[in-house]
Each structure stands twice: as structure tokens, then as C-alpha cells.
């Protein structure tokens, strides 16, 4: 049989082509200064710890938000790996947002991936985004207190999860139970791969409407 008539072969060829396009997009991101140094392969491998947790949740249709999407990692990598998920890529810088919009179009992801440009403190008040996500992902977004406060307005109450990229050595002081409880959150599992560690933080109830506080306040006056 001609390999061109084999559906599995066609699907594998399509996946290989998409991965090549993704790597090209991420190399461009590095050239523009939006993605840090190191090989593109290392950046994509870093996403595996996020991916493992998300896949284990098993929802038929998940809605995810990449908080501070920057150069497209992990958001674009997850979008290709999770064909049944809808994603929002959020960033504050116009140049990065334009790059992300072009990347989404190039990777043919426009039907289920959207770019939102603006401050998280403000976008968390948007009715189309507030409490609308099963999972929020944060890779190098900010200090722990800033990250959780900016993320909490996007999480589905009592079911949403925040996944945060972490240093490899555990440090309980980063996530005090009292600080998380203030936002209706609790510490979940910690997951590591060879190249990345991810901390899960779960919503246990709806956060007070005052969170996140106005622009800049989470960083100027952190809750913990």
C-alpha cells in the first residue's frame, strides 16, 4: 500500500510538519528576544510537566489560560499537544501579542486559541474571562504572591487549578497556607520531570470579588 493512503502515516506526517513549524516559530521568538536562550527542544521539553498534569485531568474539552505567554512557551506547545483544548494566551506587551497572533495563525490554531493583550489585573474582570478556566499556567510570570493573585480571577471556583513552574528544590515558604486560603486556594501536588518542576494550586472556593486588586498593587503590596 502507498504510504500516502495510510491514515496513520498521514497523521504522523502532519504532526511532524506541525512540530517543524512550531520550532520555526519558537526560533523566531528567540530572535525577537521573547524567548530565553537554550535550544528550542529544551524549551518544549520544559512543557512536559504541565502537559502530564493537564492530560491526567481527562476533561473532554478543557479551557486553559497561559498567564504571561511571552514568547509562546508553554502556550503554543500545549495548544498543539492538546487538540481538544481551548486556550487564551495572555500578555501585556503589544509586540509580543502581535507575534503570538501571527504564530497562532501560522500554526492554524485560530479556531481554538485566542490572544488577549493587557494587564492580568484588568483582564480578570472581563466577564468572558473571569472564573472561566479549568487551568491557568504560569511560567516565570512573577513572585508567588503576584502569580496567585493575578491568576485567581480566571480560575473556575472550587475546580480550577493553577500550574506554576517552580525551582527544583522545594521551599514551603513560597506558598504559605494562610496566604493561599485568603484567595480560596490550597496547595496541591508537586510534579517534576528531568527538566522542569510544576506546583499545582487548587481552587477550593470562589475568591473574594476584590481580587485581583487594581493594576500594580499585587506586586507593590503582596499578600504574603
C-alpha atoms as a PDB file:
ATOM      1  CA  UNK A   1       0.000   0.000   0.000  1.00  0.00           C
ATOM      2  CA  UNK A   2       1.217   3.503  -0.779  1.00  0.00           C
ATOM      3  CA  UNK A   3       2.102   5.263   2.483  1.00  0.00           C
ATOM      4  CA  UNK A   4       0.160   8.241   1.231  1.00  0.00           C
ATOM      5  CA  UNK A   5      -3.027   6.166   1.565  1.00  0.00           C
ATOM      6  CA  UNK A   6      -2.297   5.130   5.166  1.00  0.00           C
ATOM      7  CA  UNK A   7      -4.224   7.398   7.622  1.00  0.00           C
ATOM      8  CA  UNK A   8      -1.679   6.757  10.397  1.00  0.00           C
ATOM      9  CA  UNK A   9       1.164   7.733   8.098  1.00  0.00           C
ATOM     10  CA  UNK A  10      -0.672  10.882   7.016  1.00  0.00           C
ATOM     11  CA  UNK A  11      -1.361  11.851  10.637  1.00  0.00           C
ATOM     12  CA  UNK A  12       2.291  11.264  11.601  1.00  0.00           C
ATOM     13  CA  UNK A  13       3.446  13.344   8.638  1.00  0.00           C
ATOM     14  CA  UNK A  14       1.068  16.152   9.636  1.00  0.00           C
ATOM     15  CA  UNK A  15       2.317  16.061  13.241  1.00  0.00           C
ATOM     16  CA  UNK A  16       5.936  16.173  12.110  1.00  0.00           C
ATOM     17  CA  UNK A  17       5.165  19.141   9.889  1.00  0.00           C
ATOM     18  CA  UNK A  18       3.420  20.978  12.733  1.00  0.00           C
ATOM     19  CA  UNK A  19       6.348  20.357  15.080  1.00  0.00           C
ATOM     20  CA  UNK A  20       8.726  21.738  12.472  1.00  0.00           C
ATOM     21  CA  UNK A  21       6.542  24.823  12.123  1.00  0.00           C
ATOM     22  CA  UNK A  22       6.412  25.207  15.900  1.00  0.00           C
ATOM     23  CA  UNK A  23      10.196  25.049  16.156  1.00  0.00           C
ATOM     24  CA  UNK A  24      10.477  27.676  13.430  1.00  0.00           C
ATOM     25  CA  UNK A  25       8.050  29.921  15.315  1.00  0.00           C
ATOM     26  CA  UNK A  26       9.982  29.499  18.573  1.00  0.00           C
ATOM     27  CA  UNK A  27      13.327  30.190  16.896  1.00  0.00           C
ATOM     28  CA  UNK A  28      11.802  33.400  15.571  1.00  0.00           C
ATOM     29  CA  UNK A  29      10.638  34.164  19.096  1.00  0.00           C
ATOM     30  CA  UNK A  30      14.229  33.823  20.323  1.00  0.00           C
ATOM     31  CA  UNK A  31      15.490  36.084  17.539  1.00  0.00           C
ATOM     32  CA  UNK A  32      12.998  38.734  18.662  1.00  0.00           C
ATOM     33  CA  UNK A  33      14.122  38.386  22.291  1.00  0.00           C
ATOM     34  CA  UNK A  34      10.785  36.988  23.502  1.00  0.00           C
ATOM     35  CA  UNK A  35      12.108  33.540  24.428  1.00  0.00           C
ATOM     36  CA  UNK A  36      15.173  32.874  26.541  1.00  0.00           C
ATOM     37  CA  UNK A  37      18.422  31.197  25.487  1.00  0.00           C
ATOM     38  CA  UNK A  38      18.861  27.475  25.042  1.00  0.00           C
ATOM     39  CA  UNK A  39      17.674  25.071  22.400  1.00  0.00           C
ATOM     40  CA  UNK A  40      14.076  25.137  21.239  1.00  0.00           C
ATOM     41  CA  UNK A  41      13.911  21.432  22.100  1.00  0.00           C
ATOM     42  CA  UNK A  42      14.774  22.227  25.737  1.00  0.00           C
ATOM     43  CA  UNK A  43      12.015  24.838  25.890  1.00  0.00           C
ATOM     44  CA  UNK A  44       9.441  22.411  24.508  1.00  0.00           C
ATOM     45  CA  UNK A  45      10.603  19.644  26.887  1.00  0.00           C
ATOM     46  CA  UNK A  46      10.086  22.046  29.778  1.00  0.00           C
ATOM     47  CA  UNK A  47       6.365  21.960  28.921  1.00  0.00           C
ATOM     48  CA  UNK A  48       6.037  18.212  29.554  1.00  0.00           C
ATOM     49  CA  UNK A  49       5.457  18.606  33.301  1.00  0.00           C
ATOM     50  CA  UNK A  50       2.490  20.906  32.584  1.00  0.00           C
ATOM     51  CA  UNK A  51       1.220  18.576  29.882  1.00  0.00           C
ATOM     52  CA  UNK A  52       1.304  15.456  32.073  1.00  0.00           C
ATOM     53  CA  UNK A  53      -0.894  17.059  34.725  1.00  0.00           C
ATOM     54  CA  UNK A  54      -3.377  18.520  32.235  1.00  0.00           C
ATOM     55  CA  UNK A  55      -3.761  15.255  30.337  1.00  0.00           C
ATOM     56  CA  UNK A  56      -4.409  13.332  33.549  1.00  0.00           C
ATOM     57  CA  UNK A  57      -7.400  15.548  34.344  1.00  0.00           C
ATOM     58  CA  UNK A  58      -9.151  13.967  31.369  1.00  0.00           C
ATOM     59  CA  UNK A  59     -11.851  16.537  30.599  1.00  0.00           C
ATOM     60  CA  UNK A  60     -13.252  16.215  27.086  1.00  0.00           C
ATOM     61  CA  UNK A  61     -12.894  19.931  26.476  1.00  0.00           C
ATOM     62  CA  UNK A  62     -10.635  21.972  28.710  1.00  0.00           C
ATOM     63  CA  UNK A  63     -10.231  25.733  28.704  1.00  0.00           C
ATOM     64  CA  UNK A  64      -6.734  26.909  29.563  1.00  0.00           C
ATOM     65  CA  UNK A  65      -5.072  30.282  30.051  1.00  0.00           C
ATOM     66  CA  UNK A  66      -1.338  30.901  29.687  1.00  0.00           C
ATOM     67  CA  UNK A  67      -0.587  33.753  32.103  1.00  0.00           C
ATOM     68  CA  UNK A  68       2.182  35.903  30.652  1.00  0.00           C
ATOM     69  CA  UNK A  69       2.560  33.908  27.455  1.00  0.00           C
ATOM     70  CA  UNK A  70       5.606  35.864  26.281  1.00  0.00           C
ATOM     71  CA  UNK A  71       7.433  34.009  23.534  1.00  0.00           C
ATOM     72  CA  UNK A  72       4.876  31.210  23.252  1.00  0.00           C
ATOM     73  CA  UNK A  73       6.119  28.684  25.815  1.00  0.00           C
ATOM     74  CA  UNK A  74       4.267  26.865  27.163  1.00  0.00           C
ATOM     75  CA  UNK A  75       1.087  28.147  25.483  1.00  0.00           C
ATOM     76  CA  UNK A  76       1.812  27.316  21.839  1.00  0.00           C
ATOM     77  CA  UNK A  77       3.377  23.970  22.760  1.00  0.00           C
ATOM     78  CA  UNK A  78       0.320  22.990  24.801  1.00  0.00           C
ATOM     79  CA  UNK A  79      -2.048  24.141  22.057  1.00  0.00           C
ATOM     80  CA  UNK A  80      -0.504  21.699  19.592  1.00  0.00           C
ATOM     81  CA  UNK A  81      -0.291  18.881  22.127  1.00  0.00           C
ATOM     82  CA  UNK A  82      -3.916  19.270  23.301  1.00  0.00           C
ATOM     83  CA  UNK A  83      -6.110  19.326  20.188  1.00  0.00           C
ATOM     84  CA  UNK A  84      -9.339  19.274  22.230  1.00  0.00           C
ATOM     85  CA  UNK A  85      -8.444  22.254  24.429  1.00  0.00           C
ATOM     86  CA  UNK A  86      -9.303  25.930  24.001  1.00  0.00           C
ATOM     87  CA  UNK A  87      -6.557  28.327  25.038  1.00  0.00           C
ATOM     88  CA  UNK A  88      -6.140  32.007  25.781  1.00  0.00           C
ATOM     89  CA  UNK A  89      -2.613  33.394  25.548  1.00  0.00           C
ATOM     90  CA  UNK A  90      -2.367  36.480  27.747  1.00  0.00           C
ATOM     91  CA  UNK A  91       0.440  39.010  27.616  1.00  0.00           C
ATOM     92  CA  UNK A  92       0.822  42.683  28.445  1.00  0.00           C
ATOM     93  CA  UNK A  93       3.255  43.752  25.697  1.00  0.00           C
ATOM     94  CA  UNK A  94       1.819  44.721  22.315  1.00  0.00           C
ATOM     95  CA  UNK A  95       4.832  43.450  20.361  1.00  0.00           C
ATOM     96  CA  UNK A  96       4.630  40.022  21.974  1.00  0.00           C
ATOM     97  CA  UNK A  97       0.884  39.902  21.411  1.00  0.00           C
ATOM     98  CA  UNK A  98       1.330  40.646  17.713  1.00  0.00           C
ATOM     99  CA  UNK A  99       3.929  37.891  17.498  1.00  0.00           C
ATOM    100  CA  UNK A 100       1.599  35.450  19.256  1.00  0.00           C
ATOM    101  CA  UNK A 101      -1.292  36.342  16.947  1.00  0.00           C
ATOM    102  CA  UNK A 102       0.895  35.676  13.913  1.00  0.00           C
ATOM    103  CA  UNK A 103       2.123  32.416  15.427  1.00  0.00           C
ATOM    104  CA  UNK A 104      -1.433  31.222  16.119  1.00  0.00           C
ATOM    105  CA  UNK A 105      -2.368  31.915  12.514  1.00  0.00           C
ATOM    106  CA  UNK A 106       0.748  30.240  11.120  1.00  0.00           C
ATOM    107  CA  UNK A 107       0.105  27.118  13.204  1.00  0.00           C
ATOM    108  CA  UNK A 108      -3.585  27.023  12.116  1.00  0.00           C
ATOM    109  CA  UNK A 109      -4.787  27.322  15.713  1.00  0.00           C
ATOM    110  CA  UNK A 110      -7.130  30.299  15.304  1.00  0.00           C
ATOM    111  CA  UNK A 111     -10.298  28.239  15.794  1.00  0.00           C
ATOM    112  CA  UNK A 112      -9.445  27.461  19.437  1.00  0.00           C
ATOM    113  CA  UNK A 113      -6.584  29.738  20.512  1.00  0.00           C
ATOM    114  CA  UNK A 114      -7.070  33.427  21.260  1.00  0.00           C
ATOM    115  CA  UNK A 115      -4.565  36.122  22.225  1.00  0.00           C
ATOM    116  CA  UNK A 116      -5.552  38.676  24.860  1.00  0.00           C
ATOM    117  CA  UNK A 117      -3.319  41.708  25.339  1.00  0.00           C
ATOM    118  CA  UNK A 118      -3.388  43.603  28.617  1.00  0.00           C
ATOM    119  CA  UNK A 119      -2.788  43.517  32.340  1.00  0.00           C
ATOM    120  CA  UNK A 120      -3.951  40.404  34.146  1.00  0.00           C
ATOM    121  CA  UNK A 121      -5.453  42.543  36.910  1.00  0.00           C
ATOM    122  CA  UNK A 122      -7.774  44.167  34.363  1.00  0.00           C
ATOM    123  CA  UNK A 123      -8.488  41.179  32.122  1.00  0.00           C
ATOM    124  CA  UNK A 124      -9.502  39.116  35.162  1.00  0.00           C
ATOM    125  CA  UNK A 125     -12.512  41.483  35.369  1.00  0.00           C
ATOM    126  CA  UNK A 126     -13.602  40.742  31.788  1.00  0.00           C
ATOM    127  CA  UNK A 127     -16.878  38.747  32.048  1.00  0.00           C
ATOM    128  CA  UNK A 128     -15.771  36.472  29.199  1.00  0.00           C
ATOM    129  CA  UNK A 129     -12.634  35.508  31.144  1.00  0.00           C
ATOM    130  CA  UNK A 130     -13.474  35.776  34.836  1.00  0.00           C
ATOM    131  CA  UNK A 131     -13.762  32.375  36.529  1.00  0.00           C
ATOM    132  CA  UNK A 132     -13.772  30.781  33.081  1.00  0.00           C
ATOM    133  CA  UNK A 133     -10.763  28.454  33.061  1.00  0.00           C
ATOM    134  CA  UNK A 134     -10.149  24.883  34.151  1.00  0.00           C
ATOM    135  CA  UNK A 135      -6.401  25.502  34.233  1.00  0.00           C
ATOM    136  CA  UNK A 136      -4.156  28.564  34.396  1.00  0.00           C
ATOM    137  CA  UNK A 137      -0.484  28.022  33.539  1.00  0.00           C
ATOM    138  CA  UNK A 138       2.273  30.353  34.751  1.00  0.00           C
ATOM    139  CA  UNK A 139       5.895  30.003  33.661  1.00  0.00           C
ATOM    140  CA  UNK A 140       8.169  32.746  35.046  1.00  0.00           C
ATOM    141  CA  UNK A 141       5.233  35.143  35.483  1.00  0.00           C
ATOM    142  CA  UNK A 142       6.230  36.651  38.807  1.00  0.00           C
ATOM    143  CA  UNK A 143       6.688  36.100  42.520  1.00  0.00           C
ATOM    144  CA  UNK A 144       4.349  33.531  44.113  1.00  0.00           C
ATOM    145  CA  UNK A 145       2.009  36.080  45.731  1.00  0.00           C
ATOM    146  CA  UNK A 146       1.740  38.073  42.497  1.00  0.00           C
ATOM    147  CA  UNK A 147       1.137  34.961  40.412  1.00  0.00           C
ATOM    148  CA  UNK A 148      -1.682  33.559  42.540  1.00  0.00           C
ATOM    149  CA  UNK A 149      -3.458  36.898  42.925  1.00  0.00           C
ATOM    150  CA  UNK A 150      -3.319  37.609  39.196  1.00  0.00           C
ATOM    151  CA  UNK A 151      -4.454  34.059  38.385  1.00  0.00           C
ATOM    152  CA  UNK A 152      -7.285  33.597  40.872  1.00  0.00           C
ATOM    153  CA  UNK A 153      -9.813  35.706  38.990  1.00  0.00           C
ATOM    154  CA  UNK A 154      -9.511  33.425  35.955  1.00  0.00           C
ATOM    155  CA  UNK A 155      -9.932  30.077  37.763  1.00  0.00           C
ATOM    156  CA  UNK A 156     -13.227  28.209  37.938  1.00  0.00           C
ATOM    157  CA  UNK A 157     -14.204  28.301  41.622  1.00  0.00           C
ATOM    158  CA  UNK A 158     -13.777  25.029  43.520  1.00  0.00           C
ATOM    159  CA  UNK A 159     -12.463  23.162  40.470  1.00  0.00           C
ATOM    160  CA  UNK A 160      -9.846  25.255  38.653  1.00  0.00           C
ATOM    161  CA  UNK A 161      -6.122  24.658  39.023  1.00  0.00           C
ATOM    162  CA  UNK A 162      -3.109  26.918  38.728  1.00  0.00           C
ATOM    163  CA  UNK A 163       0.084  25.232  37.487  1.00  0.00           C
ATOM    164  CA  UNK A 164       3.252  27.169  38.304  1.00  0.00           C
ATOM    165  CA  UNK A 165       6.782  26.471  37.096  1.00  0.00           C
ATOM    166  CA  UNK A 166       8.975  26.050  40.185  1.00  0.00           C
ATOM    167  CA  UNK A 167      12.650  25.828  41.237  1.00  0.00           C
ATOM    168  CA  UNK A 168      13.764  22.194  41.569  1.00  0.00           C
ATOM    169  CA  UNK A 169      14.376  22.435  45.338  1.00  0.00           C
ATOM    170  CA  UNK A 170      11.147  22.543  47.401  1.00  0.00           C
ATOM    171  CA  UNK A 171      10.628  25.669  49.504  1.00  0.00           C
ATOM    172  CA  UNK A 172       7.401  25.570  51.582  1.00  0.00           C
ATOM    173  CA  UNK A 173       7.745  29.263  52.429  1.00  0.00           C
ATOM    174  CA  UNK A 174       6.893  30.171  48.829  1.00  0.00           C
ATOM    175  CA  UNK A 175       3.270  29.054  49.260  1.00  0.00           C
ATOM    176  CA  UNK A 176       2.035  29.738  52.823  1.00  0.00           C
ATOM    177  CA  UNK A 177      -1.314  28.081  53.538  1.00  0.00           C
ATOM    178  CA  UNK A 178      -2.716  31.242  55.132  1.00  0.00           C
ATOM    179  CA  UNK A 179      -1.908  33.346  52.058  1.00  0.00           C
ATOM    180  CA  UNK A 180      -3.470  30.836  49.689  1.00  0.00           C
ATOM    181  CA  UNK A 181      -6.554  30.433  51.887  1.00  0.00           C
ATOM    182  CA  UNK A 182      -7.144  34.189  51.658  1.00  0.00           C
ATOM    183  CA  UNK A 183      -7.695  33.682  47.911  1.00  0.00           C
ATOM    184  CA  UNK A 184      -9.739  30.493  48.216  1.00  0.00           C
ATOM    185  CA  UNK A 185      -6.794  28.309  47.207  1.00  0.00           C
ATOM    186  CA  UNK A 186      -4.845  25.374  48.604  1.00  0.00           C
ATOM    187  CA  UNK A 187      -1.544  23.737  47.752  1.00  0.00           C
ATOM    188  CA  UNK A 188      -1.761  20.635  45.557  1.00  0.00           C
ATOM    189  CA  UNK A 189       0.738  18.179  44.143  1.00  0.00           C
ATOM    190  CA  UNK A 190       4.269  18.954  43.005  1.00  0.00           C
ATOM    191  CA  UNK A 191       5.399  17.260  39.782  1.00  0.00           C
ATOM    192  CA  UNK A 192       8.924  17.054  38.348  1.00  0.00           C
ATOM    193  CA  UNK A 193      10.445  15.857  35.093  1.00  0.00           C
ATOM    194  CA  UNK A 194      14.129  15.800  34.149  1.00  0.00           C
ATOM    195  CA  UNK A 195      13.998  19.456  33.132  1.00  0.00           C
ATOM    196  CA  UNK A 196      11.088  21.078  34.988  1.00  0.00           C
ATOM    197  CA  UNK A 197       9.091  21.177  38.202  1.00  0.00           C
ATOM    198  CA  UNK A 198       5.457  22.266  38.431  1.00  0.00           C
ATOM    199  CA  UNK A 199       3.470  23.125  41.547  1.00  0.00           C
ATOM    200  CA  UNK A 200      -0.312  22.658  41.454  1.00  0.00           C
ATOM    201  CA  UNK A 201      -2.512  25.102  43.369  1.00  0.00           C
ATOM    202  CA  UNK A 202      -6.229  24.269  43.574  1.00  0.00           C
ATOM    203  CA  UNK A 203      -9.268  26.494  43.903  1.00  0.00           C
ATOM    204  CA  UNK A 204     -11.446  25.328  46.790  1.00  0.00           C
ATOM    205  CA  UNK A 205     -13.942  28.190  46.745  1.00  0.00           C
ATOM    206  CA  UNK A 206     -14.696  31.382  44.846  1.00  0.00           C
ATOM    207  CA  UNK A 207     -12.260  34.178  45.625  1.00  0.00           C
ATOM    208  CA  UNK A 208     -13.481  37.461  47.031  1.00  0.00           C
ATOM    209  CA  UNK A 209     -14.515  39.863  44.268  1.00  0.00           C
ATOM    210  CA  UNK A 210     -11.820  42.344  45.282  1.00  0.00           C
ATOM    211  CA  UNK A 211      -9.116  40.036  43.901  1.00  0.00           C
ATOM    212  CA  UNK A 212      -7.063  40.712  41.977  1.00  0.00           C
ATOM    213  CA  UNK A 213      -6.574  44.216  43.264  1.00  0.00           C
ATOM    214  CA  UNK A 214      -6.061  47.131  40.884  1.00  0.00           C
ATOM    215  CA  UNK A 215      -3.166  47.307  38.432  1.00  0.00           C
ATOM    216  CA  UNK A 216       0.257  47.073  40.040  1.00  0.00           C
ATOM    217  CA  UNK A 217      -0.961  46.561  43.612  1.00  0.00           C
ATOM    218  CA  UNK A 218      -0.312  42.759  43.769  1.00  0.00           C
ATOM    219  CA  UNK A 219       3.384  43.437  43.142  1.00  0.00           C
ATOM    220  CA  UNK A 220       3.657  46.598  45.267  1.00  0.00           C
ATOM    221  CA  UNK A 221       1.781  45.184  48.258  1.00  0.00           C
ATOM    222  CA  UNK A 222       1.933  41.373  48.014  1.00  0.00           C
ATOM    223  CA  UNK A 223      -0.490  39.405  50.174  1.00  0.00           C
ATOM    224  CA  UNK A 224       2.340  37.214  51.516  1.00  0.00           C
END
